[in-house]
Amino acid sequence: MPTASHITSLIKSHFENDDLRFTTICLQIAAHEAKIGHTTLADDIQKIIDRSKQIRPLLKPINRDLEGLVLETYPLYKLSDLIVPQQLKERVERIISEYLQVDKLRRHNLENRRKILLSGNSGTGKTMSASIIAAELNLPFYTILMDKMVTKFMGETSAKLRQIFELINVRKGVYLFDEFDAI
């Protein structure tokens, strides 16, 4: 079990965006867990850290103008974590399958789905579904915060939208326009 100082240091480093310190503390926790015989937990922590090291260096920092508008994350959810009606789960599986078999589809002059619309009340699994798609495809997950996109100045909102779509053109990932009804 991590010590109280580990936990408070983790929280503090997270909110200070100190990734190096956060990773160091995670490694200390993994070492502590391995030392007391919790090797499965220690291995799981190490795998998560290793995976983040493999993904993060491949990406360039997001444009400073988009800071606060776009959140970049690397979800760890799996398809098995998704608890929705079977019909919806099958649709998510199909999207993942089409993406993974895009070459096969193109040989038959077909395209994979690249845009989907998730709608529903709060708490129905829209964000989790999108993040699971990202995790299953080993892609970064970008959340566009639409409530911060709209401003009182006429041209500013369209300029921000243009920057978002430029980002989409240069960075492969799963993009969720959160609270789209804000527009």
C-alpha atoms as a PDB file:
ATOM      1  CA  MET A   1       0.000   0.000   0.000  1.00  0.00           C
ATOM      2  CA  PRO A   2       1.451   3.415  -0.921  1.00  0.00           C
ATOM      3  CA  THR A   3       2.292   5.655   1.998  1.00  0.00           C
ATOM      4  CA  ALA A   4       0.355   8.817   2.761  1.00  0.00           C
ATOM      5  CA  SER A   5       3.303  10.882   1.517  1.00  0.00           C
ATOM      6  CA  HIS A   6       3.240   8.972  -1.798  1.00  0.00           C
ATOM      7  CA  ILE A   7      -0.431   9.748  -2.237  1.00  0.00           C
ATOM      8  CA  THR A   8      -0.162  13.444  -1.383  1.00  0.00           C
ATOM      9  CA  SER A   9       2.933  13.797  -3.581  1.00  0.00           C
ATOM     10  CA  LEU A  10       1.128  12.106  -6.484  1.00  0.00           C
ATOM     11  CA  ILE A  11      -1.837  14.433  -6.163  1.00  0.00           C
ATOM     12  CA  LYS A  12       0.366  17.505  -5.852  1.00  0.00           C
ATOM     13  CA  SER A  13       2.542  16.571  -8.853  1.00  0.00           C
ATOM     14  CA  HIS A  14      -0.560  15.841 -10.944  1.00  0.00           C
ATOM     15  CA  PHE A  15      -2.120  19.240 -10.307  1.00  0.00           C
ATOM     16  CA  GLU A  16       1.229  20.981 -10.839  1.00  0.00           C
ATOM     17  CA  ASN A  17       1.611  19.153 -14.184  1.00  0.00           C
ATOM     18  CA  ASP A  18       4.957  17.780 -13.030  1.00  0.00           C
ATOM     19  CA  ASP A  19       5.056  14.575 -15.102  1.00  0.00           C
ATOM     20  CA  LEU A  20       8.625  13.691 -14.165  1.00  0.00           C
ATOM     21  CA  ARG A  21       7.905  13.843 -10.429  1.00  0.00           C
ATOM     22  CA  PHE A  22       4.630  11.960 -10.930  1.00  0.00           C
ATOM     23  CA  THR A  23       6.431   9.156 -12.815  1.00  0.00           C
ATOM     24  CA  THR A  24       9.189   9.006 -10.199  1.00  0.00           C
ATOM     25  CA  ILE A  25       6.653   8.584  -7.393  1.00  0.00           C
ATOM     26  CA  CYS A  26       4.833   5.871  -9.371  1.00  0.00           C
ATOM     27  CA  LEU A  27       8.127   4.035  -9.800  1.00  0.00           C
ATOM     28  CA  GLN A  28       8.782   4.341  -6.054  1.00  0.00           C
ATOM     29  CA  ILE A  29       5.348   2.854  -5.338  1.00  0.00           C
ATOM     30  CA  ALA A  30       6.020   0.006  -7.797  1.00  0.00           C
ATOM     31  CA  ALA A  31       9.367  -0.709  -6.125  1.00  0.00           C
ATOM     32  CA  HIS A  32       7.740  -0.663  -2.687  1.00  0.00           C
ATOM     33  CA  GLU A  33       4.983  -3.039  -3.832  1.00  0.00           C
ATOM     34  CA  ALA A  34       7.519  -5.417  -5.407  1.00  0.00           C
ATOM     35  CA  LYS A  35       9.569  -5.370  -2.202  1.00  0.00           C
ATOM     36  CA  ILE A  36       6.597  -6.471  -0.080  1.00  0.00           C
ATOM     37  CA  GLY A  37       5.664  -9.229  -2.533  1.00  0.00           C
ATOM     38  CA  HIS A  38       2.903  -7.528  -4.531  1.00  0.00           C
ATOM     39  CA  THR A  39       4.609  -8.289  -7.829  1.00  0.00           C
ATOM     40  CA  THR A  40       1.432  -8.246  -9.944  1.00  0.00           C
ATOM     41  CA  LEU A  41       0.622  -4.706  -8.838  1.00  0.00           C
ATOM     42  CA  ALA A  42       4.242  -3.628  -9.306  1.00  0.00           C
ATOM     43  CA  ASP A  43       4.235  -5.096 -12.842  1.00  0.00           C
ATOM     44  CA  ASP A  44       0.922  -3.382 -13.671  1.00  0.00           C
ATOM     45  CA  ILE A  45       2.275  -0.001 -12.546  1.00  0.00           C
ATOM     46  CA  GLN A  46       5.450  -0.535 -14.570  1.00  0.00           C
ATOM     47  CA  LYS A  47       3.441  -1.483 -17.701  1.00  0.00           C
ATOM     48  CA  ILE A  48       1.327   1.665 -17.438  1.00  0.00           C
ATOM     49  CA  ILE A  49       4.470   3.802 -17.125  1.00  0.00           C
ATOM     50  CA  ASP A  50       6.151   1.999 -20.033  1.00  0.00           C
ATOM     51  CA  ARG A  51       3.082   2.448 -22.227  1.00  0.00           C
ATOM     52  CA  SER A  52       2.943   6.176 -21.527  1.00  0.00           C
ATOM     53  CA  LYS A  53       6.613   6.499 -22.463  1.00  0.00           C
ATOM     54  CA  GLN A  54       5.952   4.769 -25.786  1.00  0.00           C
ATOM     55  CA  ILE A  55       3.042   7.009 -26.733  1.00  0.00           C
ATOM     56  CA  ARG A  56       3.903  10.473 -25.445  1.00  0.00           C
ATOM     57  CA  PRO A  57       7.194  11.123 -27.282  1.00  0.00           C
ATOM     58  CA  LEU A  58       5.479  10.540 -30.623  1.00  0.00           C
ATOM     59  CA  LEU A  59       3.373  13.662 -30.177  1.00  0.00           C
ATOM     60  CA  LYS A  60       4.275  17.304 -30.437  1.00  0.00           C
ATOM     61  CA  PRO A  61       2.914  19.694 -27.824  1.00  0.00           C
ATOM     62  CA  ILE A  62      -0.545  21.064 -28.588  1.00  0.00           C
ATOM     63  CA  ASN A  63      -0.631  24.602 -29.955  1.00  0.00           C
ATOM     64  CA  ARG A  64      -0.563  27.101 -27.048  1.00  0.00           C
ATOM     65  CA  ASP A  65      -3.611  28.871 -28.510  1.00  0.00           C
ATOM     66  CA  LEU A  66      -5.593  25.684 -27.897  1.00  0.00           C
ATOM     67  CA  GLU A  67      -4.525  25.219 -24.276  1.00  0.00           C
ATOM     68  CA  GLY A  68      -7.604  24.900 -22.118  1.00  0.00           C
ATOM     69  CA  LEU A  69      -9.744  24.056 -25.162  1.00  0.00           C
ATOM     70  CA  VAL A  70      -8.274  20.650 -25.957  1.00  0.00           C
ATOM     71  CA  LEU A  71      -7.471  17.971 -23.395  1.00  0.00           C
ATOM     72  CA  GLU A  72      -5.119  15.207 -24.536  1.00  0.00           C
ATOM     73  CA  THR A  73      -5.335  11.938 -22.629  1.00  0.00           C
ATOM     74  CA  TYR A  74      -4.395   8.286 -23.023  1.00  0.00           C
ATOM     75  CA  PRO A  75      -7.318   6.234 -21.731  1.00  0.00           C
ATOM     76  CA  LEU A  76      -6.662   2.844 -20.223  1.00  0.00           C
ATOM     77  CA  TYR A  77     -10.233   1.571 -20.495  1.00  0.00           C
ATOM     78  CA  LYS A  78     -10.906  -1.619 -22.429  1.00  0.00           C
ATOM     79  CA  LEU A  79     -13.918  -2.698 -24.425  1.00  0.00           C
ATOM     80  CA  SER A  80     -14.737  -5.103 -21.594  1.00  0.00           C
ATOM     81  CA  ASP A  81     -15.149  -2.061 -19.280  1.00  0.00           C
ATOM     82  CA  LEU A  82     -18.023  -0.727 -21.394  1.00  0.00           C
ATOM     83  CA  ILE A  83     -21.400  -1.472 -19.820  1.00  0.00           C
ATOM     84  CA  VAL A  84     -24.045  -0.515 -22.362  1.00  0.00           C
ATOM     85  CA  PRO A  85     -26.816  -2.321 -24.244  1.00  0.00           C
ATOM     86  CA  GLN A  86     -25.428  -5.093 -26.477  1.00  0.00           C
ATOM     87  CA  GLN A  87     -26.512  -3.272 -29.658  1.00  0.00           C
ATOM     88  CA  LEU A  88     -24.401  -0.230 -28.758  1.00  0.00           C
ATOM     89  CA  LYS A  89     -21.443  -2.397 -27.759  1.00  0.00           C
ATOM     90  CA  GLU A  90     -21.607  -4.139 -31.148  1.00  0.00           C
ATOM     91  CA  ARG A  91     -21.533  -0.755 -32.903  1.00  0.00           C
ATOM     92  CA  VAL A  92     -18.429   0.263 -30.966  1.00  0.00           C
ATOM     93  CA  GLU A  93     -16.808  -3.086 -31.803  1.00  0.00           C
ATOM     94  CA  ARG A  94     -17.613  -2.550 -35.490  1.00  0.00           C
ATOM     95  CA  ILE A  95     -15.999   0.904 -35.502  1.00  0.00           C
ATOM     96  CA  ILE A  96     -12.853  -0.568 -33.940  1.00  0.00           C
ATOM     97  CA  SER A  97     -12.860  -3.515 -36.338  1.00  0.00           C
ATOM     98  CA  GLU A  98     -13.293  -1.283 -39.405  1.00  0.00           C
ATOM     99  CA  TYR A  99     -10.388   0.910 -38.338  1.00  0.00           C
ATOM    100  CA  LEU A 100      -8.141  -2.083 -37.756  1.00  0.00           C
ATOM    101  CA  GLN A 101      -9.061  -3.552 -41.149  1.00  0.00           C
ATOM    102  CA  VAL A 102      -8.949  -0.337 -43.180  1.00  0.00           C
ATOM    103  CA  ASP A 103      -6.582  -1.846 -45.783  1.00  0.00           C
ATOM    104  CA  LYS A 104      -8.977  -4.709 -46.431  1.00  0.00           C
ATOM    105  CA  LEU A 105     -11.874  -2.262 -46.798  1.00  0.00           C
ATOM    106  CA  ARG A 106      -9.935  -0.072 -49.229  1.00  0.00           C
ATOM    107  CA  ARG A 107      -9.138  -3.080 -51.431  1.00  0.00           C
ATOM    108  CA  HIS A 108     -12.912  -3.306 -51.923  1.00  0.00           C
ATOM    109  CA  ASN A 109     -13.258   0.472 -52.484  1.00  0.00           C
ATOM    110  CA  LEU A 110     -14.831   0.965 -49.058  1.00  0.00           C
ATOM    111  CA  GLU A 111     -13.955   3.355 -46.244  1.00  0.00           C
ATOM    112  CA  ASN A 112     -13.994   2.844 -42.509  1.00  0.00           C
ATOM    113  CA  ARG A 113     -16.210   5.031 -40.353  1.00  0.00           C
ATOM    114  CA  ARG A 114     -14.267   8.090 -39.326  1.00  0.00           C
ATOM    115  CA  LYS A 115     -17.024  10.200 -37.838  1.00  0.00           C
ATOM    116  CA  ILE A 116     -19.695   9.143 -35.398  1.00  0.00           C
ATOM    117  CA  LEU A 117     -22.322  11.038 -33.456  1.00  0.00           C
ATOM    118  CA  LEU A 118     -22.835  10.026 -29.848  1.00  0.00           C
ATOM    119  CA  SER A 119     -25.907  11.564 -28.270  1.00  0.00           C
ATOM    120  CA  GLY A 120     -27.801  11.024 -25.070  1.00  0.00           C
ATOM    121  CA  ASN A 121     -28.319  12.280 -21.567  1.00  0.00           C
ATOM    122  CA  SER A 122     -25.459  12.900 -19.174  1.00  0.00           C
ATOM    123  CA  GLY A 123     -23.940   9.747 -17.755  1.00  0.00           C
ATOM    124  CA  THR A 124     -25.016   7.434 -20.586  1.00  0.00           C
ATOM    125  CA  GLY A 125     -21.480   6.532 -21.696  1.00  0.00           C
ATOM    126  CA  LYS A 126     -20.717   8.869 -24.607  1.00  0.00           C
ATOM    127  CA  THR A 127     -17.317  10.001 -23.342  1.00  0.00           C
ATOM    128  CA  MET A 128     -16.378   6.550 -22.076  1.00  0.00           C
ATOM    129  CA  SER A 129     -17.345   4.966 -25.415  1.00  0.00           C
ATOM    130  CA  ALA A 130     -15.146   7.416 -27.304  1.00  0.00           C
ATOM    131  CA  SER A 131     -12.240   6.921 -24.894  1.00  0.00           C
ATOM    132  CA  ILE A 132     -12.534   3.135 -25.211  1.00  0.00           C
ATOM    133  CA  ILE A 133     -12.334   3.459 -28.987  1.00  0.00           C
ATOM    134  CA  ALA A 134      -9.144   5.507 -28.548  1.00  0.00           C
ATOM    135  CA  ALA A 135      -7.649   3.013 -26.092  1.00  0.00           C
ATOM    136  CA  GLU A 136      -8.497  -0.022 -28.226  1.00  0.00           C
ATOM    137  CA  LEU A 137      -6.921   1.657 -31.268  1.00  0.00           C
ATOM    138  CA  ASN A 138      -3.865   2.873 -29.287  1.00  0.00           C
ATOM    139  CA  LEU A 139      -4.642   6.459 -30.245  1.00  0.00           C
ATOM    140  CA  PRO A 140      -4.573   9.588 -28.104  1.00  0.00           C
ATOM    141  CA  PHE A 141      -7.966  10.858 -26.982  1.00  0.00           C
ATOM    142  CA  TYR A 142      -8.652  14.557 -27.487  1.00  0.00           C
ATOM    143  CA  THR A 143     -11.574  16.222 -25.743  1.00  0.00           C
ATOM    144  CA  ILE A 144     -12.593  19.555 -27.288  1.00  0.00           C
ATOM    145  CA  LEU A 145     -14.282  21.652 -24.587  1.00  0.00           C
ATOM    146  CA  MET A 146     -16.995  23.372 -26.608  1.00  0.00           C
ATOM    147  CA  ASP A 147     -18.178  25.517 -23.701  1.00  0.00           C
ATOM    148  CA  LYS A 148     -14.770  27.255 -23.772  1.00  0.00           C
ATOM    149  CA  MET A 149     -14.789  27.533 -27.560  1.00  0.00           C
ATOM    150  CA  VAL A 150     -17.642  30.007 -27.862  1.00  0.00           C
ATOM    151  CA  THR A 151     -16.708  33.602 -27.037  1.00  0.00           C
ATOM    152  CA  LYS A 152     -18.478  36.934 -27.197  1.00  0.00           C
ATOM    153  CA  PHE A 153     -16.175  38.184 -29.961  1.00  0.00           C
ATOM    154  CA  MET A 154     -17.487  37.478 -33.454  1.00  0.00           C
ATOM    155  CA  GLY A 155     -14.417  36.078 -35.241  1.00  0.00           C
ATOM    156  CA  GLU A 156     -12.727  34.448 -32.254  1.00  0.00           C
ATOM    157  CA  THR A 157     -14.955  31.358 -32.146  1.00  0.00           C
ATOM    158  CA  SER A 158     -14.473  30.594 -35.851  1.00  0.00           C
ATOM    159  CA  ALA A 159     -10.700  31.120 -35.532  1.00  0.00           C
ATOM    160  CA  LYS A 160     -10.583  28.616 -32.667  1.00  0.00           C
ATOM    161  CA  LEU A 161     -12.650  26.118 -34.656  1.00  0.00           C
ATOM    162  CA  ARG A 162     -10.283  26.509 -37.607  1.00  0.00           C
ATOM    163  CA  GLN A 163      -7.329  25.733 -35.326  1.00  0.00           C
ATOM    164  CA  ILE A 164      -9.120  22.644 -33.979  1.00  0.00           C
ATOM    165  CA  PHE A 165      -9.713  21.313 -37.502  1.00  0.00           C
ATOM    166  CA  GLU A 166      -6.106  22.040 -38.448  1.00  0.00           C
ATOM    167  CA  LEU A 167      -5.057  19.983 -35.413  1.00  0.00           C
ATOM    168  CA  ILE A 168      -7.332  17.139 -36.528  1.00  0.00           C
ATOM    169  CA  ASN A 169      -5.647  17.166 -39.959  1.00  0.00           C
ATOM    170  CA  VAL A 170      -2.126  16.777 -38.536  1.00  0.00           C
ATOM    171  CA  ARG A 171      -2.672  14.626 -35.436  1.00  0.00           C
ATOM    172  CA  LYS A 172      -4.127  11.155 -35.571  1.00  0.00           C
ATOM    173  CA  GLY A 173      -6.440  10.506 -32.658  1.00  0.00           C
ATOM    174  CA  VAL A 174      -9.997  10.177 -31.432  1.00  0.00           C
ATOM    175  CA  TYR A 175     -11.636  13.586 -31.011  1.00  0.00           C
ATOM    176  CA  LEU A 176     -14.673  14.193 -28.825  1.00  0.00           C
ATOM    177  CA  PHE A 177     -16.470  17.516 -29.122  1.00  0.00           C
ATOM    178  CA  ASP A 178     -17.811  17.609 -25.562  1.00  0.00           C
ATOM    179  CA  GLU A 179     -20.996  19.553 -24.825  1.00  0.00           C
ATOM    180  CA  PHE A 180     -21.445  20.261 -28.537  1.00  0.00           C
ATOM    181  CA  ASP A 181     -24.862  21.724 -27.847  1.00  0.00           C
ATOM    182  CA  ALA A 182     -23.032  24.790 -26.427  1.00  0.00           C
ATOM    183  CA  ILE A 183     -22.833  26.047 -30.027  1.00  0.00           C
END
